[in-house]
């Protein structure tokens, strides 16, 4: 696999979807490994943000001014649409697969985020245990 300019030489070039859980931990300055990863300048060119993630982060803003600042900061990364007809059907299929394996996704947003990553071959950076069943059952790749 090739490497992207500015990418981390210790990992193959690829796209990293950063989950809401990481952005919130980052904004709160939590000293978590995922926060250190998202702050690594060598990975900045590999990061994308889903529209669902953007929505979730902006929902937590204190007011419109804070939301505007957050949105501007996050727009330094490409924002991608994660839901559409094809993704809706794939997400429902993944939900059924998880349910058959004994797991229930608690948040529909996480189901869409995970499904988007699976379908596009992207890695997910997260701090949310809800994604673990998607990795085991559906093949979600996570950045560790």
Protein backbone atom coordinates (compact mmCIF):
# COMPACT_ATOMS: atom_id res chain seq x y z
CA UNK A 1 0.00 0.00 0.00
CA UNK A 2 1.26 3.49 -0.78
CA UNK A 3 1.72 6.29 1.66
CA UNK A 4 0.06 9.67 1.61
CA UNK A 5 2.18 12.80 1.83
CA UNK A 6 2.26 13.85 5.47
CA UNK A 7 1.01 10.45 6.61
CA UNK A 8 2.55 8.51 9.47
CA UNK A 9 5.41 6.36 8.14
CA UNK A 10 4.62 3.70 10.77
CA UNK A 11 1.24 2.76 9.27
CA UNK A 12 -0.08 2.24 5.74
CA UNK A 13 -1.85 5.20 4.20
CA UNK A 14 -5.57 5.01 4.65
CA UNK A 15 -8.60 6.96 5.69
CA UNK A 16 -9.45 7.31 9.36
CA UNK A 17 -12.99 8.12 10.44
CA UNK A 18 -12.91 9.76 13.86
CA UNK A 19 -15.97 9.02 15.99
CA UNK A 20 -17.85 11.52 18.11
CA UNK A 21 -16.53 9.88 21.27
CA UNK A 22 -12.98 10.89 20.34
CA UNK A 23 -13.89 14.47 19.41
CA UNK A 24 -15.71 14.92 22.72
CA UNK A 25 -12.78 13.46 24.67
CA UNK A 26 -10.45 15.75 22.67
CA UNK A 27 -12.56 18.84 23.45
CA UNK A 28 -12.59 17.90 27.14
CA UNK A 29 -8.82 17.30 27.14
CA UNK A 30 -9.14 13.71 28.34
CA UNK A 31 -5.73 12.00 28.27
CA UNK A 32 -6.85 8.99 26.25
CA UNK A 33 -4.79 7.19 23.59
CA UNK A 34 -7.41 8.00 20.93
CA UNK A 35 -7.11 11.71 21.79
CA UNK A 36 -3.33 11.55 21.38
CA UNK A 37 -3.87 9.83 18.04
CA UNK A 38 -6.33 12.42 16.70
CA UNK A 39 -3.89 15.17 17.72
CA UNK A 40 -0.99 13.57 15.83
CA UNK A 41 -0.17 16.02 13.01
CA UNK A 42 1.21 13.15 10.91
CA UNK A 43 -2.32 11.70 10.65
CA UNK A 44 -4.19 14.93 9.89
CA UNK A 45 -4.28 14.25 6.13
CA UNK A 46 -5.86 10.84 6.72
CA UNK A 47 -8.80 12.01 8.87
CA UNK A 48 -12.36 12.51 7.67
CA UNK A 49 -15.47 13.43 9.60
CA UNK A 50 -18.91 12.05 8.89
CA UNK A 51 -21.95 14.27 8.72
CA UNK A 52 -23.45 12.21 11.56
CA UNK A 53 -20.38 12.83 13.70
CA UNK A 54 -20.52 16.54 12.94
CA UNK A 55 -24.18 16.60 13.99
CA UNK A 56 -23.47 14.78 17.25
CA UNK A 57 -20.59 17.10 18.15
CA UNK A 58 -22.59 20.24 17.33
CA UNK A 59 -25.56 19.00 19.39
CA UNK A 60 -23.34 19.28 22.46
CA UNK A 61 -22.42 22.92 21.84
CA UNK A 62 -23.30 25.36 24.63
CA UNK A 63 -24.83 27.89 22.22
CA UNK A 64 -24.79 28.99 18.58
CA UNK A 65 -21.47 30.82 18.93
CA UNK A 66 -19.82 27.73 20.37
CA UNK A 67 -21.39 25.59 17.62
CA UNK A 68 -20.02 27.93 14.95
CA UNK A 69 -16.51 27.67 16.43
CA UNK A 70 -16.72 23.89 16.66
CA UNK A 71 -17.98 23.57 13.10
CA UNK A 72 -15.19 25.79 11.77
CA UNK A 73 -12.58 23.75 13.63
CA UNK A 74 -13.94 20.44 12.36
CA UNK A 75 -14.20 21.67 8.78
CA UNK A 76 -10.43 21.63 8.53
CA UNK A 77 -11.07 17.95 7.76
CA UNK A 78 -13.17 16.67 4.87
CA UNK A 79 -16.83 16.16 5.85
CA UNK A 80 -18.51 13.17 4.18
CA UNK A 81 -22.13 12.08 3.90
CA UNK A 82 -22.55 8.75 5.70
CA UNK A 83 -26.18 7.94 5.06
CA UNK A 84 -28.04 7.32 1.84
CA UNK A 85 -30.21 4.61 0.34
CA UNK A 86 -27.34 2.14 -0.11
CA UNK A 87 -25.91 2.78 3.37
CA UNK A 88 -29.36 2.53 4.96
CA UNK A 89 -29.85 -0.94 3.51
CA UNK A 90 -26.31 -2.02 4.50
CA UNK A 91 -26.76 -0.66 8.05
CA UNK A 92 -30.03 -2.59 8.41
CA UNK A 93 -28.29 -5.73 7.20
CA UNK A 94 -25.48 -5.21 9.73
CA UNK A 95 -28.06 -4.66 12.46
CA UNK A 96 -29.73 -7.98 11.65
CA UNK A 97 -26.35 -9.73 11.54
CA UNK A 98 -25.46 -8.29 14.96
CA UNK A 99 -28.85 -9.21 16.40
CA UNK A 100 -28.47 -12.78 15.13
CA UNK A 101 -25.10 -12.93 16.92
CA UNK A 102 -26.71 -11.71 20.16
CA UNK A 103 -25.76 -8.02 20.01
CA UNK A 104 -28.01 -4.98 19.85
CA UNK A 105 -26.63 -1.63 18.70
CA UNK A 106 -27.77 0.98 21.18
CA UNK A 107 -27.25 3.99 18.92
CA UNK A 108 -28.37 4.18 15.30
CA UNK A 109 -25.66 6.78 14.64
CA UNK A 110 -22.97 4.26 15.63
CA UNK A 111 -24.53 1.68 13.32
CA UNK A 112 -24.30 4.11 10.39
CA UNK A 113 -20.77 5.24 11.26
CA UNK A 114 -19.53 1.66 11.55
CA UNK A 115 -21.31 0.59 8.38
CA UNK A 116 -19.84 3.52 6.45
CA UNK A 117 -16.34 2.50 7.56
CA UNK A 118 -16.91 -1.15 6.63
CA UNK A 119 -18.31 -0.33 3.19
CA UNK A 120 -15.52 2.11 2.33
CA UNK A 121 -12.64 0.15 3.89
CA UNK A 122 -11.85 2.93 6.37
CA UNK A 123 -10.49 2.54 9.89
CA UNK A 124 -12.48 3.89 12.83
CA UNK A 125 -10.86 5.73 15.72
CA UNK A 126 -13.19 5.66 18.70
CA UNK A 127 -13.55 5.53 22.51
CA UNK A 128 -16.89 3.72 22.46
CA UNK A 129 -17.32 0.04 23.37
CA UNK A 130 -20.50 -0.10 21.26
CA UNK A 131 -18.32 -0.60 18.17
CA UNK A 132 -16.63 -3.78 19.46
CA UNK A 133 -19.45 -6.12 18.28
CA UNK A 134 -19.29 -4.54 14.82
CA UNK A 135 -15.60 -5.38 14.68
CA UNK A 136 -16.16 -8.99 15.75
CA UNK A 137 -19.28 -9.71 13.70
CA UNK A 138 -19.23 -7.34 10.72
CA UNK A 139 -15.51 -6.81 10.10
CA UNK A 140 -15.23 -3.17 11.20
CA UNK A 141 -11.55 -2.16 11.16
CA UNK A 142 -10.48 -0.02 14.09
CA UNK A 143 -7.38 2.08 14.49
CA UNK A 144 -5.64 0.84 17.61
